[in-house]
N, C-alpha and C. Protein backbone atom coordinates (compact mmCIF):
# COMPACT_ATOMS: atom_id res chain seq x y z
N MET A 1 0.85 -1.24 -0.01
CA MET A 1 -0.06 -0.01 -0.06
C MET A 1 0.83 1.22 0.00
N LYS A 2 0.36 2.33 -0.56
CA LYS A 2 1.05 3.59 -0.59
C LYS A 2 0.13 4.64 0.04
N LEU A 3 0.55 5.47 0.97
CA LEU A 3 -0.11 6.60 1.35
C LEU A 3 0.44 7.88 0.81
N TYR A 4 -0.43 8.67 0.07
CA TYR A 4 -0.02 9.94 -0.54
C TYR A 4 -0.19 10.98 0.56
N ASP A 5 0.83 11.69 0.89
CA ASP A 5 0.87 12.52 2.15
C ASP A 5 1.34 13.82 1.90
N THR A 6 1.26 14.78 2.71
CA THR A 6 1.96 15.97 2.76
C THR A 6 2.12 16.55 4.14
N PRO A 7 3.31 17.11 4.45
CA PRO A 7 3.62 17.57 5.76
C PRO A 7 2.70 18.78 6.12
N LEU A 8 2.42 18.90 7.52
CA LEU A 8 1.69 20.08 8.08
C LEU A 8 0.25 20.06 7.73
N ALA A 9 -0.28 19.62 6.67
CA ALA A 9 -1.74 19.55 6.35
C ALA A 9 -2.41 18.76 7.39
N PRO A 10 -3.53 19.12 7.83
CA PRO A 10 -4.16 18.36 9.03
C PRO A 10 -4.83 17.04 8.64
N ASN A 11 -5.42 16.91 7.58
CA ASN A 11 -6.08 15.62 7.17
C ASN A 11 -5.04 14.53 6.96
N PRO A 12 -3.94 14.71 6.26
CA PRO A 12 -2.93 13.60 6.17
C PRO A 12 -2.32 13.25 7.58
N ARG A 13 -2.25 14.42 8.41
CA ARG A 13 -1.63 14.06 9.70
C ARG A 13 -2.64 13.11 10.53
N ARG A 14 -3.88 13.23 10.40
CA ARG A 14 -4.78 12.33 11.04
C ARG A 14 -4.37 10.91 10.75
N VAL A 15 -4.11 10.60 9.49
CA VAL A 15 -3.80 9.25 9.09
C VAL A 15 -2.48 8.85 9.64
N ARG A 16 -1.46 9.73 9.49
CA ARG A 16 -0.16 9.33 10.09
C ARG A 16 -0.20 9.03 11.52
N TRP A 17 -0.97 9.93 12.24
CA TRP A 17 -1.24 9.68 13.73
C TRP A 17 -1.90 8.27 14.04
N PHE A 18 -2.90 8.06 13.31
CA PHE A 18 -3.66 6.79 13.39
C PHE A 18 -2.73 5.57 13.17
N MET A 19 -1.91 5.68 12.18
CA MET A 19 -0.97 4.65 11.80
C MET A 19 0.06 4.47 12.89
N THR A 20 0.53 5.49 13.40
CA THR A 20 1.59 5.33 14.45
C THR A 20 0.95 4.76 15.71
N GLU A 21 -0.29 5.16 16.12
CA GLU A 21 -0.91 4.57 17.30
C GLU A 21 -1.13 3.05 17.17
N LYS A 22 -1.33 2.65 15.86
CA LYS A 22 -1.52 1.24 15.63
C LYS A 22 -0.15 0.44 15.32
N GLY A 23 0.89 1.22 15.21
CA GLY A 23 2.22 0.60 14.84
C GLY A 23 2.32 0.09 13.43
N ILE A 24 1.53 0.69 12.57
CA ILE A 24 1.56 0.28 11.13
C ILE A 24 2.81 0.85 10.47
N ALA A 25 3.63 -0.05 10.02
CA ALA A 25 4.94 0.41 9.48
C ALA A 25 5.15 -0.14 8.08
N ASP A 26 4.17 -0.88 7.50
CA ASP A 26 4.42 -1.50 6.22
C ASP A 26 3.60 -0.82 5.06
N VAL A 27 3.39 0.54 5.28
CA VAL A 27 2.69 1.33 4.24
C VAL A 27 3.70 2.31 3.77
N GLU A 28 3.97 2.34 2.41
CA GLU A 28 4.95 3.27 1.83
C GLU A 28 4.28 4.63 1.83
N VAL A 29 5.05 5.66 2.34
CA VAL A 29 4.46 6.99 2.33
C VAL A 29 5.20 7.78 1.22
N VAL A 30 4.28 8.41 0.39
CA VAL A 30 4.80 9.24 -0.72
C VAL A 30 4.35 10.66 -0.49
N THR A 31 5.38 11.49 -0.32
CA THR A 31 5.17 12.87 0.05
C THR A 31 4.87 13.78 -1.28
N LEU A 32 3.88 14.49 -1.22
CA LEU A 32 3.55 15.36 -2.28
C LEU A 32 3.75 16.86 -1.88
N ASN A 33 4.14 17.65 -2.78
CA ASN A 33 4.34 19.08 -2.58
C ASN A 33 3.11 19.82 -3.15
N LEU A 34 2.29 20.32 -2.22
CA LEU A 34 1.06 20.97 -2.65
C LEU A 34 1.33 22.27 -3.31
N ILE A 35 2.26 23.05 -2.86
CA ILE A 35 2.63 24.32 -3.48
C ILE A 35 2.98 24.16 -4.88
N LYS A 36 3.67 23.01 -5.11
CA LYS A 36 4.19 22.80 -6.60
C LYS A 36 3.03 22.11 -7.38
N GLY A 37 1.85 21.85 -6.71
CA GLY A 37 0.81 21.26 -7.48
C GLY A 37 0.84 19.83 -7.86
N GLU A 38 1.64 19.03 -7.00
CA GLU A 38 1.86 17.64 -7.28
C GLU A 38 0.64 16.85 -7.02
N HIS A 39 -0.39 17.43 -6.34
CA HIS A 39 -1.68 16.73 -6.12
C HIS A 39 -2.61 16.97 -7.25
N LYS A 40 -2.18 17.66 -8.27
CA LYS A 40 -3.01 18.07 -9.34
C LYS A 40 -2.54 17.47 -10.69
N THR A 41 -1.58 16.68 -10.65
CA THR A 41 -1.03 16.02 -11.95
C THR A 41 -2.03 15.03 -12.42
N SER A 42 -1.97 14.78 -13.70
CA SER A 42 -2.96 13.85 -14.36
C SER A 42 -2.81 12.42 -13.80
N ASP A 43 -1.59 12.08 -13.46
CA ASP A 43 -1.38 10.66 -12.94
C ASP A 43 -2.09 10.55 -11.53
N TYR A 44 -1.98 11.62 -10.71
CA TYR A 44 -2.52 11.50 -9.44
C TYR A 44 -4.03 11.60 -9.49
N LEU A 45 -4.60 12.50 -10.33
CA LEU A 45 -6.04 12.66 -10.46
C LEU A 45 -6.64 11.34 -11.00
N ALA A 46 -5.85 10.66 -11.86
CA ALA A 46 -6.37 9.33 -12.39
C ALA A 46 -6.59 8.35 -11.29
N LYS A 47 -5.78 8.42 -10.22
CA LYS A 47 -5.92 7.50 -9.05
C LYS A 47 -7.02 7.96 -8.20
N THR A 48 -7.17 9.24 -7.91
CA THR A 48 -8.00 9.72 -6.76
C THR A 48 -9.31 10.39 -7.22
N GLY A 49 -9.35 10.96 -8.44
CA GLY A 49 -10.56 11.59 -8.91
C GLY A 49 -10.71 12.97 -8.35
N LEU A 50 -9.86 13.40 -7.34
CA LEU A 50 -9.92 14.74 -6.78
C LEU A 50 -8.49 15.11 -6.38
N ALA A 51 -8.21 16.37 -6.33
CA ALA A 51 -6.90 16.84 -6.09
C ALA A 51 -6.82 17.00 -4.52
N ASN A 52 -6.94 15.91 -3.89
CA ASN A 52 -6.95 15.85 -2.32
C ASN A 52 -5.91 14.99 -1.84
N VAL A 53 -5.38 15.28 -0.63
CA VAL A 53 -4.55 14.45 0.17
C VAL A 53 -5.18 14.34 1.52
N PRO A 54 -5.03 13.30 2.25
CA PRO A 54 -4.32 11.97 1.76
C PRO A 54 -5.10 11.12 0.88
N ALA A 55 -4.41 10.11 0.37
CA ALA A 55 -5.04 9.05 -0.48
C ALA A 55 -4.22 7.76 -0.18
N LEU A 56 -4.91 6.69 -0.02
CA LEU A 56 -4.32 5.38 0.21
C LEU A 56 -4.53 4.50 -1.01
N GLU A 57 -3.37 4.13 -1.69
CA GLU A 57 -3.52 3.28 -2.83
C GLU A 57 -3.26 1.79 -2.37
N LEU A 58 -4.21 0.91 -2.68
CA LEU A 58 -4.02 -0.46 -2.24
C LEU A 58 -3.27 -1.24 -3.25
N ASP A 59 -2.88 -2.43 -2.92
CA ASP A 59 -2.01 -3.19 -3.85
C ASP A 59 -2.74 -3.56 -5.18
N ASP A 60 -4.07 -3.56 -5.15
CA ASP A 60 -4.70 -3.91 -6.39
C ASP A 60 -5.03 -2.65 -7.21
N GLY A 61 -4.56 -1.55 -6.79
CA GLY A 61 -4.78 -0.22 -7.56
C GLY A 61 -5.97 0.52 -6.98
N THR A 62 -6.84 0.03 -6.18
CA THR A 62 -7.88 0.78 -5.71
C THR A 62 -7.33 1.86 -4.81
N THR A 63 -7.94 3.09 -4.90
CA THR A 63 -7.41 4.26 -4.06
C THR A 63 -8.59 4.76 -3.31
N ILE A 64 -8.30 4.95 -1.99
CA ILE A 64 -9.31 5.52 -1.05
C ILE A 64 -8.81 6.84 -0.63
N THR A 65 -9.73 7.92 -0.72
CA THR A 65 -9.44 9.22 -0.26
C THR A 65 -10.35 9.54 0.95
N GLU A 66 -10.13 10.68 1.54
CA GLU A 66 -10.84 11.09 2.84
C GLU A 66 -10.17 10.41 3.96
N SER A 67 -9.72 11.17 4.92
CA SER A 67 -8.81 10.74 6.01
C SER A 67 -9.53 9.65 6.92
N VAL A 68 -10.88 9.95 7.21
CA VAL A 68 -11.59 9.01 8.17
C VAL A 68 -11.85 7.67 7.40
N ALA A 69 -12.16 7.80 6.12
CA ALA A 69 -12.38 6.55 5.35
C ALA A 69 -11.12 5.67 5.26
N ILE A 70 -10.01 6.30 5.09
CA ILE A 70 -8.72 5.65 5.14
C ILE A 70 -8.51 4.97 6.48
N CYS A 71 -8.80 5.66 7.56
CA CYS A 71 -8.52 5.16 8.91
C CYS A 71 -9.51 4.00 9.08
N ARG A 72 -10.70 4.07 8.67
CA ARG A 72 -11.63 2.90 8.89
C ARG A 72 -11.19 1.70 8.10
N TYR A 73 -10.65 1.88 6.87
CA TYR A 73 -10.07 0.76 6.22
C TYR A 73 -8.86 0.11 6.94
N LEU A 74 -7.91 0.99 7.46
CA LEU A 74 -6.83 0.51 8.12
C LEU A 74 -7.24 -0.10 9.44
N GLU A 75 -8.29 0.31 10.14
CA GLU A 75 -8.80 -0.32 11.31
C GLU A 75 -9.21 -1.73 11.07
N SER A 76 -9.80 -1.98 9.87
CA SER A 76 -10.24 -3.24 9.50
C SER A 76 -9.08 -4.20 9.24
N VAL A 77 -8.08 -3.79 8.69
CA VAL A 77 -6.84 -4.57 8.32
C VAL A 77 -5.96 -4.70 9.55
N TYR A 78 -5.82 -3.69 10.42
CA TYR A 78 -5.05 -3.66 11.60
C TYR A 78 -5.90 -3.46 12.78
N PRO A 79 -6.70 -4.36 13.23
CA PRO A 79 -7.73 -4.16 14.23
C PRO A 79 -7.31 -3.71 15.67
N GLU A 80 -6.06 -3.89 16.02
CA GLU A 80 -5.57 -3.58 17.32
C GLU A 80 -4.41 -2.63 17.24
N PRO A 81 -4.28 -1.69 18.21
CA PRO A 81 -5.34 -1.33 19.20
C PRO A 81 -6.56 -0.80 18.53
N ASN A 82 -7.68 -0.97 19.16
CA ASN A 82 -8.96 -0.47 18.56
C ASN A 82 -9.08 0.97 18.72
N LEU A 83 -9.33 1.70 17.66
CA LEU A 83 -9.45 3.22 17.73
C LEU A 83 -10.81 3.68 17.32
N MET A 84 -11.68 2.79 16.86
CA MET A 84 -12.99 3.16 16.26
C MET A 84 -14.18 2.46 16.75
N GLY A 85 -13.96 1.65 17.86
CA GLY A 85 -15.09 1.04 18.41
C GLY A 85 -15.15 -0.47 18.51
N ARG A 86 -15.40 -1.03 19.68
CA ARG A 86 -15.33 -2.52 19.81
C ARG A 86 -16.67 -3.19 19.61
N ASP A 87 -17.77 -2.36 19.80
CA ASP A 87 -19.12 -2.94 19.72
C ASP A 87 -20.02 -1.77 19.14
N PRO A 88 -21.30 -2.12 18.79
CA PRO A 88 -22.13 -1.03 18.09
C PRO A 88 -22.24 0.25 18.88
N LEU A 89 -22.44 0.14 20.24
CA LEU A 89 -22.63 1.34 21.06
C LEU A 89 -21.42 2.20 21.00
N GLU A 90 -20.29 1.53 21.29
CA GLU A 90 -19.01 2.21 21.37
C GLU A 90 -18.70 2.90 20.06
N THR A 91 -18.87 2.19 18.94
CA THR A 91 -18.66 2.70 17.62
C THR A 91 -19.44 3.95 17.41
N ALA A 92 -20.80 3.82 17.81
CA ALA A 92 -21.62 5.03 17.61
C ALA A 92 -21.26 6.17 18.42
N VAL A 93 -20.85 6.04 19.70
CA VAL A 93 -20.39 7.13 20.54
C VAL A 93 -19.11 7.80 19.97
N ILE A 94 -18.18 6.88 19.52
CA ILE A 94 -16.96 7.47 19.00
C ILE A 94 -17.28 8.32 17.76
N GLU A 95 -18.10 7.75 16.91
CA GLU A 95 -18.44 8.46 15.61
C GLU A 95 -19.17 9.79 15.93
N MET A 96 -19.98 9.81 16.97
CA MET A 96 -20.69 11.02 17.29
C MET A 96 -19.72 12.08 17.76
N TRP A 97 -18.75 11.73 18.59
CA TRP A 97 -17.80 12.74 19.14
C TRP A 97 -16.83 13.12 18.06
N MET A 98 -16.48 12.18 17.08
CA MET A 98 -15.62 12.49 16.06
C MET A 98 -16.27 13.49 15.05
N ARG A 99 -17.63 13.31 14.81
CA ARG A 99 -18.30 14.21 13.89
C ARG A 99 -18.46 15.59 14.61
N ARG A 100 -18.75 15.65 15.86
CA ARG A 100 -18.85 16.90 16.60
C ARG A 100 -17.58 17.62 16.49
N ALA A 101 -16.48 16.91 16.82
CA ALA A 101 -15.12 17.53 16.81
C ALA A 101 -14.77 18.02 15.44
N GLU A 102 -15.15 17.29 14.38
CA GLU A 102 -14.70 17.66 12.99
C GLU A 102 -15.57 18.86 12.52
N MET A 103 -16.84 18.82 12.69
CA MET A 103 -17.79 19.87 12.18
C MET A 103 -17.72 21.11 12.96
N LEU A 104 -17.61 21.00 14.29
CA LEU A 104 -17.75 22.24 15.10
C LEU A 104 -16.47 22.84 15.38
N VAL A 105 -15.29 22.16 15.38
CA VAL A 105 -14.03 22.67 15.72
C VAL A 105 -13.08 22.55 14.60
N ALA A 106 -12.76 21.31 14.22
CA ALA A 106 -11.65 21.09 13.31
C ALA A 106 -11.85 21.77 11.92
N THR A 107 -13.01 21.52 11.35
CA THR A 107 -13.12 22.16 10.04
C THR A 107 -13.18 23.69 10.03
N PRO A 108 -13.87 24.28 11.02
CA PRO A 108 -13.76 25.78 11.01
C PRO A 108 -12.40 26.28 11.28
N LEU A 109 -11.59 25.58 12.02
CA LEU A 109 -10.19 26.03 12.29
C LEU A 109 -9.42 25.93 10.96
N MET A 110 -9.59 24.73 10.28
CA MET A 110 -8.88 24.68 8.91
C MET A 110 -9.30 25.78 8.00
N ILE A 111 -10.52 26.16 8.03
CA ILE A 111 -10.99 27.16 7.07
C ILE A 111 -10.32 28.58 7.55
N GLY A 112 -10.27 28.74 8.93
CA GLY A 112 -9.70 29.95 9.43
C GLY A 112 -8.25 30.03 8.96
N VAL A 113 -7.51 28.95 9.05
CA VAL A 113 -6.05 29.06 8.65
C VAL A 113 -5.96 29.34 7.26
N ARG A 114 -6.72 28.53 6.47
CA ARG A 114 -6.61 28.70 4.95
C ARG A 114 -6.92 30.06 4.49
N HIS A 115 -7.78 30.82 5.18
CA HIS A 115 -8.20 32.11 4.78
C HIS A 115 -7.49 33.23 5.36
N THR A 116 -6.57 32.97 6.35
CA THR A 116 -5.84 34.10 7.02
C THR A 116 -4.37 33.96 7.00
N HIS A 117 -3.87 32.73 6.86
CA HIS A 117 -2.38 32.60 6.90
C HIS A 117 -1.81 32.95 5.59
N PRO A 118 -0.72 33.87 5.49
CA PRO A 118 -0.24 34.19 4.25
C PRO A 118 0.25 33.17 3.34
N ALA A 119 0.75 32.08 3.91
CA ALA A 119 1.39 30.94 3.12
C ALA A 119 0.23 30.19 2.34
N MET A 120 -1.03 30.34 2.91
CA MET A 120 -2.19 29.58 2.29
C MET A 120 -2.56 30.30 1.07
N ALA A 121 -2.17 31.51 0.79
CA ALA A 121 -2.70 32.27 -0.46
C ALA A 121 -2.30 31.47 -1.74
N ALA A 122 -1.26 30.64 -1.67
CA ALA A 122 -0.91 29.88 -2.86
C ALA A 122 -1.93 28.80 -3.19
N LEU A 123 -2.79 28.42 -2.13
CA LEU A 123 -3.68 27.36 -2.31
C LEU A 123 -5.19 27.80 -2.32
N GLU A 124 -5.42 28.99 -1.75
CA GLU A 124 -6.87 29.44 -1.43
C GLU A 124 -7.01 30.92 -1.93
N GLN A 125 -8.16 31.14 -2.55
CA GLN A 125 -8.56 32.57 -2.80
C GLN A 125 -9.04 33.00 -1.52
N GLN A 126 -8.17 33.75 -0.75
CA GLN A 126 -8.47 34.06 0.67
C GLN A 126 -9.60 35.15 0.80
N ASN A 127 -10.39 34.93 1.86
CA ASN A 127 -11.32 35.89 2.34
C ASN A 127 -11.20 35.98 3.82
N PRO A 128 -10.47 37.04 4.39
CA PRO A 128 -10.28 37.10 5.81
C PRO A 128 -11.55 37.21 6.68
N THR A 129 -12.60 37.63 6.13
CA THR A 129 -13.85 37.70 6.89
C THR A 129 -14.34 36.29 7.13
N ILE A 130 -14.26 35.49 6.11
CA ILE A 130 -14.63 34.08 6.21
C ILE A 130 -13.72 33.43 7.28
N GLY A 131 -12.49 33.67 7.16
CA GLY A 131 -11.52 33.08 8.12
C GLY A 131 -11.70 33.42 9.50
N GLU A 132 -11.98 34.71 9.84
CA GLU A 132 -12.26 35.12 11.11
C GLU A 132 -13.55 34.55 11.66
N TYR A 133 -14.62 34.62 10.86
CA TYR A 133 -15.90 34.05 11.32
C TYR A 133 -15.81 32.55 11.79
N ASN A 134 -15.09 31.75 10.91
CA ASN A 134 -14.89 30.34 11.31
C ASN A 134 -13.93 30.12 12.44
N THR A 135 -12.99 30.93 12.61
CA THR A 135 -12.13 30.87 13.83
C THR A 135 -12.89 31.06 15.05
N GLN A 136 -13.68 32.13 15.12
CA GLN A 136 -14.53 32.45 16.23
C GLN A 136 -15.54 31.44 16.58
N ALA A 137 -16.11 30.85 15.51
CA ALA A 137 -17.04 29.73 15.64
C ALA A 137 -16.43 28.53 16.34
N SER A 138 -15.19 28.27 15.89
CA SER A 138 -14.50 27.06 16.49
C SER A 138 -14.17 27.38 17.96
N LEU A 139 -13.77 28.61 18.29
CA LEU A 139 -13.47 28.89 19.70
C LEU A 139 -14.72 28.72 20.60
N ARG A 140 -15.80 29.12 20.13
CA ARG A 140 -17.14 28.98 20.93
C ARG A 140 -17.36 27.43 21.00
N ALA A 141 -17.19 26.63 20.01
CA ALA A 141 -17.49 25.27 19.97
C ALA A 141 -16.50 24.45 20.93
N MET A 142 -15.28 25.06 21.19
CA MET A 142 -14.42 24.32 22.02
C MET A 142 -15.01 24.13 23.45
N LYS A 143 -15.94 24.97 23.86
CA LYS A 143 -16.57 24.87 25.10
C LYS A 143 -17.34 23.45 25.18
N VAL A 144 -17.89 22.99 24.10
CA VAL A 144 -18.58 21.67 24.01
C VAL A 144 -17.54 20.58 24.41
N LEU A 145 -16.37 20.64 23.82
CA LEU A 145 -15.36 19.70 24.10
C LEU A 145 -14.86 19.76 25.56
N ASP A 146 -14.76 20.93 26.08
CA ASP A 146 -14.30 21.18 27.42
C ASP A 146 -15.28 20.56 28.33
N ARG A 147 -16.57 20.77 28.10
CA ARG A 147 -17.63 20.20 29.02
C ARG A 147 -17.51 18.72 29.05
N ARG A 148 -17.33 18.09 27.96
CA ARG A 148 -17.22 16.65 27.80
C ARG A 148 -16.00 16.14 28.54
N LEU A 149 -14.85 16.81 28.37
CA LEU A 149 -13.54 16.39 28.92
C LEU A 149 -13.59 16.64 30.48
N ALA A 150 -14.51 17.42 31.02
CA ALA A 150 -14.65 17.49 32.47
C ALA A 150 -15.16 16.20 33.11
N GLU A 151 -15.76 15.39 32.31
CA GLU A 151 -16.31 14.18 32.75
C GLU A 151 -15.59 12.94 32.25
N SER A 152 -14.61 13.06 31.40
CA SER A 152 -13.99 11.93 30.79
C SER A 152 -12.49 12.24 30.38
N GLU A 153 -11.61 11.33 30.52
CA GLU A 153 -10.27 11.58 30.34
C GLU A 153 -10.01 11.87 28.80
N TRP A 154 -10.73 11.02 27.93
CA TRP A 154 -10.73 11.17 26.53
C TRP A 154 -12.09 11.62 25.93
N LEU A 155 -12.07 11.97 24.74
CA LEU A 155 -13.28 12.68 24.17
C LEU A 155 -14.46 11.75 23.98
N ALA A 156 -14.27 10.46 23.64
CA ALA A 156 -15.36 9.58 23.31
C ALA A 156 -15.61 8.52 24.31
N VAL A 157 -14.60 7.78 24.50
CA VAL A 157 -14.75 6.62 25.52
C VAL A 157 -13.51 6.59 26.46
N ASP A 158 -13.20 5.45 27.06
CA ASP A 158 -12.18 5.45 28.11
C ASP A 158 -10.76 5.24 27.56
N ARG A 159 -10.55 5.55 26.32
CA ARG A 159 -9.17 5.40 25.76
C ARG A 159 -9.11 6.48 24.53
N LEU A 160 -7.98 6.65 24.10
CA LEU A 160 -7.78 7.45 22.90
C LEU A 160 -8.45 6.79 21.71
N THR A 161 -9.10 7.56 20.84
CA THR A 161 -9.81 7.12 19.62
C THR A 161 -9.58 8.09 18.56
N ILE A 162 -10.17 7.68 17.38
CA ILE A 162 -10.19 8.54 16.26
C ILE A 162 -10.81 9.93 16.53
N ALA A 163 -11.67 10.02 17.45
CA ALA A 163 -12.33 11.26 17.86
C ALA A 163 -11.25 12.25 18.42
N ASP A 164 -10.44 11.78 19.30
CA ASP A 164 -9.43 12.50 19.83
C ASP A 164 -8.44 13.00 18.78
N ILE A 165 -8.07 12.11 17.93
CA ILE A 165 -7.03 12.41 16.92
C ILE A 165 -7.65 13.56 16.00
N VAL A 166 -8.88 13.39 15.51
CA VAL A 166 -9.57 14.46 14.70
C VAL A 166 -9.59 15.78 15.36
N ALA A 167 -9.97 15.78 16.69
CA ALA A 167 -10.12 17.02 17.48
C ALA A 167 -8.75 17.63 17.59
N PHE A 168 -7.81 16.90 18.05
CA PHE A 168 -6.49 17.58 18.34
C PHE A 168 -5.80 18.09 17.14
N VAL A 169 -5.76 17.22 16.08
CA VAL A 169 -5.07 17.71 14.88
C VAL A 169 -5.64 18.97 14.35
N GLY A 170 -6.99 19.15 14.34
CA GLY A 170 -7.59 20.42 14.02
C GLY A 170 -7.24 21.51 14.89
N ILE A 171 -7.19 21.28 16.12
CA ILE A 171 -6.77 22.34 17.16
C ILE A 171 -5.32 22.77 16.95
N ASP A 172 -4.54 21.75 16.79
CA ASP A 172 -3.02 21.89 16.64
C ASP A 172 -2.70 22.69 15.42
N PHE A 173 -3.48 22.49 14.29
CA PHE A 173 -3.16 23.10 13.08
C PHE A 173 -3.35 24.68 13.20
N ALA A 174 -4.16 25.11 14.12
CA ALA A 174 -4.36 26.45 14.32
C ALA A 174 -3.23 27.15 14.94
N ARG A 175 -2.20 26.43 15.35
CA ARG A 175 -0.99 27.02 15.79
C ARG A 175 -0.32 27.91 14.70
N MET A 176 -0.64 27.56 13.46
CA MET A 176 -0.07 28.35 12.32
C MET A 176 -0.58 29.76 12.37
N ILE A 177 -1.68 30.01 12.95
CA ILE A 177 -2.18 31.37 13.18
C ILE A 177 -2.11 31.86 14.66
N LYS A 178 -1.23 31.18 15.38
CA LYS A 178 -0.98 31.34 16.81
C LYS A 178 -2.20 31.35 17.67
N LEU A 179 -3.10 30.39 17.33
CA LEU A 179 -4.31 30.29 18.14
C LEU A 179 -4.24 28.97 18.86
N LYS A 180 -4.60 29.04 20.14
CA LYS A 180 -4.54 27.83 21.13
C LYS A 180 -5.89 27.97 21.89
N PRO A 181 -6.28 26.82 22.46
CA PRO A 181 -7.45 26.76 23.29
C PRO A 181 -7.39 27.78 24.42
N PRO A 182 -8.36 28.58 24.69
CA PRO A 182 -8.35 29.47 25.86
C PRO A 182 -7.92 28.79 27.12
N GLU A 183 -7.15 29.47 28.02
CA GLU A 183 -6.66 28.92 29.21
C GLU A 183 -7.83 28.46 30.20
N GLU A 184 -8.90 29.26 30.05
CA GLU A 184 -9.99 28.92 31.00
C GLU A 184 -10.71 27.67 30.70
N LEU A 185 -10.43 27.04 29.50
CA LEU A 185 -11.02 25.75 29.19
C LEU A 185 -9.97 24.69 29.75
N THR A 186 -9.93 24.59 31.05
CA THR A 186 -8.96 23.77 31.70
C THR A 186 -8.98 22.33 31.34
N HIS A 187 -10.12 21.75 31.14
CA HIS A 187 -10.23 20.32 30.81
C HIS A 187 -9.74 20.17 29.30
N LEU A 188 -9.96 20.96 28.45
CA LEU A 188 -9.56 20.80 27.13
C LEU A 188 -8.06 21.00 27.05
N CYS A 189 -7.53 21.99 27.79
CA CYS A 189 -6.01 22.19 27.82
C CYS A 189 -5.33 20.94 28.46
N ARG A 190 -5.94 20.43 29.49
CA ARG A 190 -5.33 19.15 30.09
C ARG A 190 -5.16 18.10 29.04
N TRP A 191 -6.31 17.86 28.38
CA TRP A 191 -6.41 16.83 27.35
C TRP A 191 -5.35 17.17 26.11
N ALA A 192 -5.35 18.37 25.76
CA ALA A 192 -4.39 18.74 24.65
C ALA A 192 -2.98 18.51 25.12
N ASP A 193 -2.67 18.81 26.32
CA ASP A 193 -1.32 18.52 26.82
C ASP A 193 -0.97 17.05 26.79
N ALA A 194 -1.95 16.28 27.11
CA ALA A 194 -1.70 14.73 27.09
C ALA A 194 -1.68 14.26 25.62
N MET A 195 -2.33 14.93 24.70
CA MET A 195 -2.20 14.52 23.33
C MET A 195 -0.83 14.86 22.82
N ARG A 196 -0.28 16.03 23.20
CA ARG A 196 1.04 16.51 22.73
C ARG A 196 2.17 15.57 23.21
N GLU A 197 1.94 14.87 24.36
CA GLU A 197 2.90 13.90 24.88
C GLU A 197 2.97 12.65 24.24
N ARG A 198 1.98 12.38 23.36
CA ARG A 198 2.05 11.05 22.84
C ARG A 198 2.99 10.98 21.65
N PRO A 199 3.71 9.81 21.54
CA PRO A 199 4.78 9.69 20.54
C PRO A 199 4.23 10.02 19.16
N ALA A 200 2.90 9.72 18.80
CA ALA A 200 2.18 9.91 17.51
C ALA A 200 2.11 11.45 17.15
N ALA A 201 2.26 12.25 18.20
CA ALA A 201 2.00 13.72 17.96
C ALA A 201 3.00 14.26 16.99
N SER A 202 4.19 13.71 16.98
CA SER A 202 5.27 14.17 16.12
C SER A 202 5.52 13.29 14.91
N SER A 203 4.62 12.33 14.68
CA SER A 203 4.81 11.38 13.57
C SER A 203 4.85 12.08 12.23
N GLY A 204 5.89 12.06 11.48
CA GLY A 204 6.01 12.64 10.19
C GLY A 204 5.90 14.15 10.16
N MET A 205 5.95 14.69 11.39
CA MET A 205 5.96 16.22 11.32
C MET A 205 7.36 16.88 11.25
N PRO A 206 7.52 17.86 10.41
CA PRO A 206 8.84 18.62 10.38
C PRO A 206 9.05 19.25 11.59
N GLU A 207 10.26 19.60 11.93
CA GLU A 207 10.55 20.44 13.11
C GLU A 207 10.08 21.81 12.96
N ARG A 208 9.45 22.36 14.06
CA ARG A 208 9.00 23.66 14.03
C ARG A 208 9.04 24.19 15.43
N ALA A 209 9.14 25.60 15.56
CA ALA A 209 9.20 26.23 16.82
C ALA A 209 7.79 26.23 17.45
N PRO A 210 7.68 26.06 18.77
CA PRO A 210 6.36 26.01 19.36
C PRO A 210 5.71 27.46 19.22
N ALA A 211 4.38 27.42 19.13
CA ALA A 211 3.61 28.62 18.94
C ALA A 211 3.67 29.46 20.22
C-alpha cells in the first residue's frame, strides 16, 4: 500500500497519527508538494478523482481518499489497538464525538487558517472575513469539548480514539495562526497537553518552533 501524504496539512496528519498509534509500518509514504501542485497532476487525479490528500492506494490499484475513510479501512486490516469502536454502542459514541469535533471545531479552524495565513494564499482565494468568522465559531465550540472532557479523560470513551485524533489535529493546526485553546477551558487544555505528549504527535511532522 502507498499513502500519499503532505507535511503540516491536518487531514494527512490524522492518518499518520492513526497509523503510528497502531504501529503500522508497512505502508509506503509518498510525500507530495502541494505548493508545486503535485496533487493536481494527471497521474494523481487518475488515481484519486480529486486533487486531495491523503490518499491510500491499495495493492490492487484501488485508491481511497478522505482521511476518516482511510482510517476505517486501516482499522479493519489492523484491528488492534482499537481506535474506532469495539461494539455497536462504542462505535456510535466514537463516531458521534468525531463528527462533533470535526464539524464544530476542526473544519472551522482549517478554514480559518486557509483564509488568513499568508502561506495559504498559494492554495486558497482568501477571504479574511470568512477566516475570522470560522475561527470564532470554533473557539465557541471548544466549550462543548471542554464540558465533555470535564467528565472523561478522553473525548469519546475510556481510551484514545479517532475522535481525539480528529479534534486535536484540527486544534493543533491552528498554531499556524498562533491560536490555542483558551486557558479557561482547563479540561480541554489538560487533554491537549496529554495529546502532545503522545509519540504519535510528532509522527511525520517537520521540526518547528512552538507557537
